[in-house]
Protein backbone atom coordinates (compact mmCIF):
# COMPACT_ATOMS: atom_id res chain seq x y z
CA UNK A 1 38.49 -15.39 6.06
CA UNK A 2 34.69 -15.51 6.13
CA UNK A 3 33.09 -18.92 6.53
CA UNK A 4 30.96 -19.59 3.40
CA UNK A 5 28.86 -22.21 5.19
CA UNK A 6 27.97 -19.67 7.91
CA UNK A 7 27.13 -17.11 5.25
CA UNK A 8 24.85 -19.53 3.39
CA UNK A 9 23.22 -20.49 6.68
CA UNK A 10 22.45 -16.83 7.39
CA UNK A 11 20.80 -16.43 4.00
CA UNK A 12 18.77 -19.65 4.21
CA UNK A 13 17.53 -19.04 7.75
CA UNK A 14 16.56 -15.46 6.90
CA UNK A 15 14.66 -16.52 3.77
CA UNK A 16 12.81 -19.19 5.75
CA UNK A 17 11.71 -17.04 8.68
CA UNK A 18 11.69 -13.28 7.94
CA UNK A 19 9.40 -10.94 6.01
CA UNK A 20 11.41 -7.76 5.31
CA UNK A 21 9.95 -4.23 5.04
CA UNK A 22 9.46 -2.55 1.66
CA UNK A 23 10.56 -5.78 0.00
CA UNK A 24 8.93 -7.74 -2.81
CA UNK A 25 10.32 -11.16 -2.00
CA UNK A 26 9.19 -12.68 -5.30
CA UNK A 27 11.59 -10.57 -7.36
CA UNK A 28 14.15 -9.05 -4.98
CA UNK A 29 17.36 -10.91 -4.11
CA UNK A 30 18.21 -12.29 -0.69
CA UNK A 31 18.99 -9.93 2.15
CA UNK A 32 22.67 -9.31 2.89
CA UNK A 33 23.77 -10.63 6.31
CA UNK A 34 25.57 -7.91 8.28
CA UNK A 35 27.69 -8.90 11.28
CA UNK A 36 28.99 -5.54 12.51
CA UNK A 37 29.30 -1.86 11.78
CA UNK A 38 31.97 0.75 12.41
CA UNK A 39 31.72 4.43 11.56
CA UNK A 40 30.24 4.72 8.06
CA UNK A 41 30.84 1.09 7.19
CA UNK A 42 28.76 -2.09 7.42
CA UNK A 43 30.57 -5.45 7.34
CA UNK A 44 28.92 -8.50 5.76
CA UNK A 45 29.15 -12.14 6.77
CA UNK A 46 30.77 -12.87 3.39
CA UNK A 47 33.67 -10.49 4.05
CA UNK A 48 32.35 -7.62 1.91
CA UNK A 49 31.89 -4.14 3.33
CA UNK A 50 29.42 -1.43 2.41
CA UNK A 51 29.66 2.34 2.80
CA UNK A 52 26.41 3.35 4.49
CA UNK A 53 25.53 6.46 2.49
CA UNK A 54 21.99 6.68 3.93
CA UNK A 55 22.70 6.20 7.67
CA UNK A 56 20.65 2.99 7.59
CA UNK A 57 17.33 4.70 6.81
CA UNK A 58 18.52 8.08 8.11
CA UNK A 59 19.04 7.15 11.77
CA UNK A 60 22.77 6.59 12.46
CA UNK A 61 23.82 10.23 12.45
CA UNK A 62 27.06 9.51 14.41
CA UNK A 63 27.95 6.27 12.64
CA UNK A 64 27.80 2.59 13.60
CA UNK A 65 29.29 0.96 16.67
CA UNK A 66 29.82 4.25 18.46
CA UNK A 67 31.55 3.33 21.76
CA UNK A 68 30.16 6.30 23.72
CA UNK A 69 26.55 5.49 22.80
CA UNK A 70 27.08 1.81 23.64
CA UNK A 71 28.70 2.69 26.98
CA UNK A 72 25.82 4.93 28.06
CA UNK A 73 23.17 2.36 27.13
CA UNK A 74 25.11 -0.33 29.02
CA UNK A 75 25.42 1.87 32.12
CA UNK A 76 21.68 2.55 32.04
CA UNK A 77 20.86 -1.15 31.61
CA UNK A 78 22.58 -1.87 34.92
CA UNK A 79 20.24 0.60 36.68
CA UNK A 80 16.74 0.30 35.22
CA UNK A 81 15.91 -1.02 31.76
CA UNK A 82 12.15 -0.39 31.68
CA UNK A 83 9.44 1.07 33.87
CA UNK A 84 5.82 1.94 33.15
CA UNK A 85 5.61 5.66 32.30
CA UNK A 86 2.03 6.20 33.50
CA UNK A 87 2.32 7.27 37.14
CA UNK A 88 6.11 6.83 37.16
CA UNK A 89 9.05 8.79 35.76
CA UNK A 90 12.86 8.59 35.71
CA UNK A 91 15.90 10.81 35.38
CA UNK A 92 16.89 9.87 31.78
CA UNK A 93 13.44 10.95 30.49
CA UNK A 94 13.40 14.17 32.52
CA UNK A 95 16.91 15.10 31.42
CA UNK A 96 16.19 14.29 27.78
CA UNK A 97 13.00 16.38 27.80
CA UNK A 98 14.78 19.36 29.33
CA UNK A 99 17.60 19.13 26.80
CA UNK A 100 15.33 18.78 23.79
CA UNK A 101 13.27 21.79 24.87
CA UNK A 102 16.46 23.83 25.29
CA UNK A 103 17.23 23.34 21.59
CA UNK A 104 13.67 23.95 20.34
CA UNK A 105 11.99 27.36 19.93
CA UNK A 106 11.02 28.87 23.29
CA UNK A 107 7.28 28.26 22.93
CA UNK A 108 7.73 24.49 23.20
CA UNK A 109 7.18 23.33 26.78
CA UNK A 110 6.09 19.69 26.83
CA UNK A 111 7.48 16.41 25.46
CA UNK A 112 5.26 13.36 24.80
CA UNK A 113 7.12 10.08 24.27
CA UNK A 114 6.28 7.29 21.81
CA UNK A 115 8.08 4.52 19.93
CA UNK A 116 8.98 5.76 16.44
CA UNK A 117 8.35 8.36 13.76
CA UNK A 118 4.92 7.12 12.70
CA UNK A 119 3.66 7.07 16.27
CA UNK A 120 5.09 10.55 16.91
CA UNK A 121 2.94 11.73 13.99
CA UNK A 122 -0.11 9.85 15.29
CA UNK A 123 0.30 11.62 18.64
CA UNK A 124 0.60 15.01 16.93
CA UNK A 125 -2.63 14.53 14.98
CA UNK A 126 -4.49 13.34 18.07
CA UNK A 127 -3.17 16.35 20.00
CA UNK A 128 -4.36 18.77 17.32
CA UNK A 129 -7.80 17.25 16.84
CA UNK A 130 -8.48 16.84 20.56
CA UNK A 131 -7.16 20.35 21.28
CA UNK A 132 -10.21 21.72 19.47
CA UNK A 133 -12.56 18.92 20.57
CA UNK A 134 -11.83 19.63 24.24
CA UNK A 135 -12.83 23.25 23.66
CA UNK A 136 -16.07 22.35 21.92
CA UNK A 137 -14.93 23.29 18.39
CA UNK A 138 -16.54 20.25 16.82
CA UNK A 139 -16.32 21.52 13.22
CA UNK A 140 -12.50 21.65 13.15
CA UNK A 141 -11.86 18.05 12.12
CA UNK A 142 -9.98 18.25 8.83
CA UNK A 143 -6.24 18.12 8.18
CA UNK A 144 -4.19 19.90 5.52
CA UNK A 145 -1.06 18.26 4.09
CA UNK A 146 1.29 18.71 1.15
CA UNK A 147 1.22 16.89 -2.14
CA UNK A 148 3.90 14.15 -2.26
CA UNK A 149 3.86 13.97 1.54
CA UNK A 150 4.97 10.92 3.49
CA UNK A 151 4.54 10.72 7.27
CA UNK A 152 4.74 6.99 8.07
CA UNK A 153 2.98 3.68 7.70
CA UNK A 154 0.44 3.46 10.53
CA UNK A 155 -3.14 4.21 9.48
CA UNK A 156 -3.23 7.80 10.67
CA UNK A 157 0.18 8.53 9.17
CA UNK A 158 -0.86 6.89 5.90
CA UNK A 159 -3.89 9.16 5.76
CA UNK A 160 -1.54 12.15 5.86
CA UNK A 161 0.53 10.86 2.96
CA UNK A 162 -0.43 11.71 -0.57
CA UNK A 163 -2.25 8.83 -2.33
CA UNK A 164 0.38 6.46 -3.68
CA UNK A 165 1.26 2.83 -4.22
CA UNK A 166 2.33 2.73 -0.56
CA UNK A 167 -1.23 3.00 0.72
CA UNK A 168 -3.38 2.13 -2.31
CA UNK A 169 -4.84 -1.08 -0.73
CA UNK A 170 -6.13 0.97 2.20
CA UNK A 171 -7.07 4.26 0.53
CA UNK A 172 -10.82 3.87 1.08
CA UNK A 173 -10.23 3.23 4.79
CA UNK A 174 -8.16 6.35 5.53
CA UNK A 175 -9.59 9.50 7.09
CA UNK A 176 -10.13 12.61 5.00
CA UNK A 177 -7.14 14.88 4.38
CA UNK A 178 -6.94 17.82 1.97
CA UNK A 179 -3.71 18.09 -0.03
CA UNK A 180 -2.31 21.34 -1.37
CA UNK A 181 0.04 21.70 -4.31
CA UNK A 182 3.72 20.83 -4.09
CA UNK A 183 5.61 23.72 -2.37
CA UNK A 184 8.32 23.63 -5.03
CA UNK A 185 5.81 25.79 -6.93
CA UNK A 186 5.26 28.48 -4.27
CA UNK A 187 2.59 30.51 -6.06
CA UNK A 188 0.40 27.51 -6.86
CA UNK A 189 0.89 26.05 -3.38
CA UNK A 190 -0.08 29.26 -1.56
CA UNK A 191 -3.02 29.93 -3.85
CA UNK A 192 -4.25 26.38 -3.38
CA UNK A 193 -4.17 26.76 0.38
CA UNK A 194 -5.92 30.15 0.23
CA UNK A 195 -8.66 28.68 -1.94
CA UNK A 196 -9.29 25.82 0.47
CA UNK A 197 -9.38 28.11 3.51
CA UNK A 198 -11.74 30.55 1.80
CA UNK A 199 -14.07 27.73 0.77
CA UNK A 200 -14.14 26.16 4.24
CA UNK A 201 -12.67 28.63 6.73
CA UNK A 202 -13.61 26.87 9.98
CA UNK A 203 -13.10 23.15 9.38
CA UNK A 204 -9.33 22.67 9.51
CA UNK A 205 -7.64 21.69 12.77
CA UNK A 206 -4.06 21.14 11.59
CA UNK A 207 -1.59 21.60 8.77
CA UNK A 208 1.22 19.01 8.72
CA UNK A 209 4.39 19.24 6.66
CA UNK A 210 7.93 17.98 6.24
CA UNK A 211 9.88 21.23 6.58
CA UNK A 212 12.07 22.17 3.58
CA UNK A 213 12.71 18.57 2.43
CA UNK A 214 10.00 16.04 1.57
CA UNK A 215 11.81 12.75 2.08
CA UNK A 216 10.20 9.60 0.73
CA UNK A 217 8.25 11.66 -1.82
CA UNK A 218 11.51 12.13 -3.71
CA UNK A 219 13.77 14.35 -1.55
CA UNK A 220 11.84 17.34 -2.86
CA UNK A 221 13.25 20.60 -1.54
CA UNK A 222 11.60 23.99 -1.18
CA UNK A 223 12.35 27.38 0.30
CA UNK A 224 11.85 28.58 3.90
CA UNK A 225 9.96 31.64 2.61
CA UNK A 226 7.27 29.36 1.14
CA UNK A 227 6.80 27.49 4.40
CA UNK A 228 6.79 30.74 6.37
CA UNK A 229 3.93 31.99 4.23
CA UNK A 230 1.98 28.73 4.63
CA UNK A 231 2.39 28.73 8.41
CA UNK A 232 1.37 32.38 8.66
CA UNK A 233 -1.73 31.68 6.59
CA UNK A 234 -2.60 28.67 8.76
CA UNK A 235 -2.20 30.62 11.98
CA UNK A 236 -4.43 33.39 10.64
CA UNK A 237 -7.17 30.74 10.41
CA UNK A 238 -6.49 29.22 13.87
CA UNK A 239 -4.94 26.08 12.38
CA UNK A 240 -2.27 24.26 14.38
CA UNK A 241 0.94 23.64 12.41
CA UNK A 242 2.77 20.32 12.79
CA UNK A 243 6.39 19.98 11.67
CA UNK A 244 7.41 16.41 10.85
CA UNK A 245 11.14 16.76 11.59
CA UNK A 246 11.68 13.02 11.79
CA UNK A 247 14.23 13.14 8.96
CA UNK A 248 15.29 16.79 9.04
CA UNK A 249 16.00 17.05 12.77
CA UNK A 250 19.37 16.96 14.53
CA UNK A 251 21.58 18.73 12.04
CA UNK A 252 20.51 17.18 8.76
CA UNK A 253 19.71 20.52 7.12
CA UNK A 254 22.73 22.30 8.62
CA UNK A 255 20.87 23.60 11.68
CA UNK A 256 19.55 21.79 14.74
CA UNK A 257 16.11 21.66 13.12
CA UNK A 258 14.73 22.71 9.74
CA UNK A 259 12.31 25.04 11.58
CA UNK A 260 15.37 27.08 12.60
CA UNK A 261 15.34 28.52 9.07
CA UNK A 262 11.81 29.87 9.62
CA UNK A 263 10.44 33.12 11.01
CA UNK A 264 7.03 31.53 11.67
CA UNK A 265 7.31 28.45 13.89
CA UNK A 266 5.12 25.32 14.10
CA UNK A 267 2.98 24.55 17.14
CA UNK A 268 3.87 20.86 17.33
CA UNK A 269 7.02 19.02 16.22
CA UNK A 270 7.60 15.29 15.68
CA UNK A 271 11.08 13.84 16.21
CA UNK A 272 12.58 10.36 15.81
CA UNK A 273 15.30 8.72 13.63
CA UNK A 274 18.47 10.64 14.64
CA UNK A 275 17.03 11.25 18.12
CA UNK A 276 18.91 8.27 19.62
CA UNK A 277 21.78 8.25 17.13
CA UNK A 278 20.40 5.03 15.67
CA UNK A 279 20.87 3.06 18.91
CA UNK A 280 17.24 2.54 19.97
CA UNK A 281 13.71 3.08 18.67
CA UNK A 282 12.07 6.23 20.05
CA UNK A 283 9.75 9.04 18.98
CA UNK A 284 8.73 12.27 20.68
CA UNK A 285 6.06 14.87 20.01
CA UNK A 286 6.68 18.31 21.48
CA UNK A 287 4.10 21.05 21.97
CA UNK A 288 3.37 24.31 23.78
CA UNK A 289 1.74 24.81 27.15
CA UNK A 290 -1.29 26.24 25.32
CA UNK A 291 -1.92 22.84 23.78
CA UNK A 292 -1.08 20.95 26.98
CA UNK A 293 -3.41 23.11 29.08
CA UNK A 294 -6.36 22.33 26.80
CA UNK A 295 -6.18 18.75 28.12
CA UNK A 296 -6.24 19.77 31.81
CA UNK A 297 -9.65 19.18 33.35
CA UNK A 298 -11.53 17.61 36.24
CA UNK A 299 -13.15 15.55 33.48
CA UNK A 300 -10.95 12.51 32.75
CA UNK A 301 -12.49 12.21 29.28
CA UNK A 302 -10.33 15.19 28.22
CA UNK A 303 -7.15 13.15 28.82
CA UNK A 304 -4.91 12.38 25.86
CA UNK A 305 -5.48 8.63 25.81
CA UNK A 306 -2.36 7.48 24.00
CA UNK A 307 0.45 5.24 25.20
CA UNK A 308 2.93 2.56 24.22
CA UNK A 309 4.36 -0.17 26.41
CA UNK A 310 7.87 1.18 25.92
CA UNK A 311 6.98 4.87 26.27
CA UNK A 312 10.11 6.76 27.44
CA UNK A 313 12.08 3.52 27.73
CA UNK A 314 15.09 4.34 29.96
CA UNK A 315 17.56 2.64 27.60
CA UNK A 316 16.29 4.67 24.64
CA UNK A 317 16.38 7.84 26.75
CA UNK A 318 19.98 7.08 27.71
CA UNK A 319 20.86 6.60 24.04
CA UNK A 320 19.18 9.89 23.13
CA UNK A 321 20.98 11.76 25.90
CA UNK A 322 24.28 10.29 24.72
CA UNK A 323 23.48 11.30 21.15
CA UNK A 324 22.77 14.84 22.32
CA UNK A 325 26.13 14.85 24.13
CA UNK A 326 27.77 14.20 20.75
CA UNK A 327 25.48 16.64 18.90
CA UNK A 328 26.47 19.41 21.30
CA UNK A 329 30.18 19.03 20.55
CA UNK A 330 31.83 21.58 18.28
CA UNK A 331 33.46 18.73 16.35
CA UNK A 332 30.06 17.42 15.23
CA UNK A 333 29.01 20.80 13.83
CA UNK A 334 32.38 21.18 12.12
CA UNK A 335 31.74 17.82 10.44
CA UNK A 336 28.22 18.87 9.43
CA UNK A 337 29.63 22.03 7.84
CA UNK A 338 32.43 20.08 6.13
CA UNK A 339 29.99 17.55 4.64
CA UNK A 340 27.68 20.36 3.52
CA UNK A 341 30.58 22.23 1.87
CA UNK A 342 31.83 19.08 0.14
CA UNK A 343 28.34 18.37 -1.19
CA UNK A 344 28.06 21.94 -2.43
CA UNK A 345 31.25 21.65 -4.48
CA UNK A 346 30.08 18.45 -6.13
CA UNK A 347 26.65 19.92 -6.84
CA UNK A 348 28.30 22.85 -8.63
CA UNK A 349 30.39 20.44 -10.74
CA UNK A 350 27.29 18.67 -12.09
CA UNK A 351 25.61 21.64 -13.74
CA UNK A 352 24.59 20.76 -17.27
CA UNK A 353 25.20 17.04 -16.87
CA UNK A 354 23.03 15.07 -19.35
CA UNK A 355 22.08 12.31 -16.89
CA UNK A 356 22.64 13.69 -13.39
CA UNK A 357 19.97 16.37 -13.21
CA UNK A 358 18.07 18.50 -10.70
CA UNK A 359 20.93 18.15 -8.21
CA UNK A 360 19.78 19.71 -4.96
CA UNK A 361 21.14 20.13 -1.46
CA UNK A 362 20.12 21.35 1.97
CA UNK A 363 22.90 20.95 4.55
CA UNK A 364 24.08 17.33 4.64
CA UNK A 365 21.18 16.15 2.44
CA UNK A 366 22.05 15.77 -1.24
CA UNK A 367 19.68 14.46 -3.91
CA UNK A 368 19.53 14.18 -7.69
CA UNK A 369 17.42 12.70 -10.46
CA UNK A 370 18.78 10.32 -13.07
CA UNK A 371 17.35 11.47 -16.39
CA UNK A 372 16.27 8.54 -18.55
CA UNK A 373 13.62 10.10 -20.75
CA UNK A 374 10.91 8.21 -18.87
CA UNK A 375 8.44 9.34 -16.23
CA UNK A 376 9.80 9.71 -12.73
CA UNK A 377 8.52 8.24 -9.48
CA UNK A 378 9.10 5.67 -6.76
CA UNK A 379 8.19 2.73 -9.02
CA UNK A 380 10.61 3.77 -11.76
CA UNK A 381 12.22 0.58 -13.16
CA UNK A 382 15.71 2.10 -12.83
CA UNK A 383 15.50 1.74 -9.05
CA UNK A 384 16.37 -1.96 -8.84
CA UNK A 385 19.17 -1.72 -11.38
CA UNK A 386 20.71 1.24 -9.55
CA UNK A 387 20.43 -0.38 -6.11
CA UNK A 388 22.20 -3.55 -7.24
CA UNK A 389 24.88 -1.56 -9.06
CA UNK A 390 25.81 0.41 -5.97
CA UNK A 391 25.72 -2.66 -3.70
CA UNK A 392 28.23 -4.37 -6.00
CA UNK A 393 30.38 -1.24 -5.71
CA UNK A 394 30.19 -1.51 -1.92
CA UNK A 395 27.95 1.54 -1.47
CA UNK A 396 24.56 1.41 0.25
CA UNK A 397 22.25 3.80 -1.60
CA UNK A 398 18.52 3.18 -1.62
CA UNK A 399 17.05 4.99 -4.66
CA UNK A 400 13.57 6.48 -4.61
CA UNK A 401 12.76 5.36 -8.14
CA UNK A 402 15.15 7.34 -10.33
CA UNK A 403 16.05 9.69 -7.47
CA UNK A 404 19.31 9.12 -5.63
CA UNK A 405 20.10 10.74 -2.31
CA UNK A 406 22.92 10.84 0.24
CA UNK A 407 22.25 11.14 3.98
CA UNK A 408 25.48 9.84 5.43
CA UNK A 409 26.61 9.83 9.08
CA UNK A 410 28.33 13.07 10.06
CA UNK A 411 31.59 11.21 10.70
CA UNK A 412 31.97 10.39 7.00
CA UNK A 413 35.25 11.59 5.53
CA UNK A 414 35.64 13.56 2.30
CA UNK A 415 37.39 10.60 0.65
CA UNK A 416 34.37 8.43 1.44
CA UNK A 417 32.01 11.06 0.04
CA UNK A 418 34.15 11.12 -3.11
CA UNK A 419 33.72 7.35 -3.37
CA UNK A 420 29.93 7.81 -3.35
CA UNK A 421 30.09 10.62 -5.91
CA UNK A 422 32.34 8.53 -8.16
CA UNK A 423 29.99 5.54 -8.04
CA UNK A 424 27.07 7.79 -9.04
CA UNK A 425 29.07 9.30 -11.91
CA UNK A 426 30.09 5.86 -13.16
CA UNK A 427 26.51 4.63 -13.06
CA UNK A 428 25.40 7.72 -15.00
CA UNK A 429 28.02 6.89 -17.65
CA UNK A 430 26.50 3.43 -18.05
CA UNK A 431 23.08 5.01 -18.60
CA UNK A 432 24.17 7.26 -21.48
CA UNK A 433 23.63 4.67 -24.23
CA UNK A 434 19.96 4.15 -23.24
CA UNK A 435 19.08 7.82 -22.72
């Protein structure tokens, strides 16, 4: 039986010492103490358990407490846990780089390590801007991004995100980015981009995008043909294309990467989240030799001056290599297909539902909007009510306003998916009287 005094101690100590992310402590309840995880489940200090339907912010693609991942990190810790990555290297980083490149399109040749998704994006933007700067193209300083974009919370990454409540206090301090219309409307999006390029044909250095699924903006999905057309247009104007695959990478969309659905490929790709299977923090930015060679010079000022203390941390590299071992197994891809198929059946069953609307899916990613007759968006008041409802049901869902989404670990079983679906259906039933 759980010890209630220990549980209360957890809560009190947390409240006294910790400031949690994306949390308004004045109005949100205490944080739930978790003592362990196994597979798709999180176990609380109070004896409750929670089905992790979002892979703990999209990272635990193989589930919690995976013994193989833990074993490989432990083995690495007995050898070398950390070494400066400027002037030194190590086998886990070399092996990881070679393996990542083997799964990426053939024009990717180099891997640059950082600490997380936001920093992977920062590196990508610095690569793109300095690529042209090193060649003397001083006019190409602007960035193109998509409406409703989200690329992280560091200052550069915030600049790339569409203006929102996330970055409102800093909006006047962010660098200039041009946003084109939401790609869910292909004609308007393409025309918007054409208009901007015709008006200023020589000022854009990069076009950054979340391929096929815009995550924090509301799990907005769009077609590969739209992105193909945007990339082709960018390349015609000598604009480097950056794919933010931080969420969509490593099987989430049903392929290794979302770019695998495309005919026209990006020049730079950012990876994180599922990269280490949720074991360790790590980000990477991959590029072509063409980009890398633009930094080679007898002049040290053309160096890419970017680093983190834990760049290519050997423990994180070991975790990522172990995660790739699992990703490369046929069983994992069978599970990805099974989850995708199970989602597809449920999506088909919700057509015409009065509350559960705009149900959409790409591979293992499923999202829907709860129709309440009010405006939609991240600050929708339904968010808090929905979150608490699902927690009481023992399901961890983290709504984006009135948008619900499922990004579960690939090991989730159909019965567990059915439990999530059922909890959503029951919540929708409760909403009927107010809609």
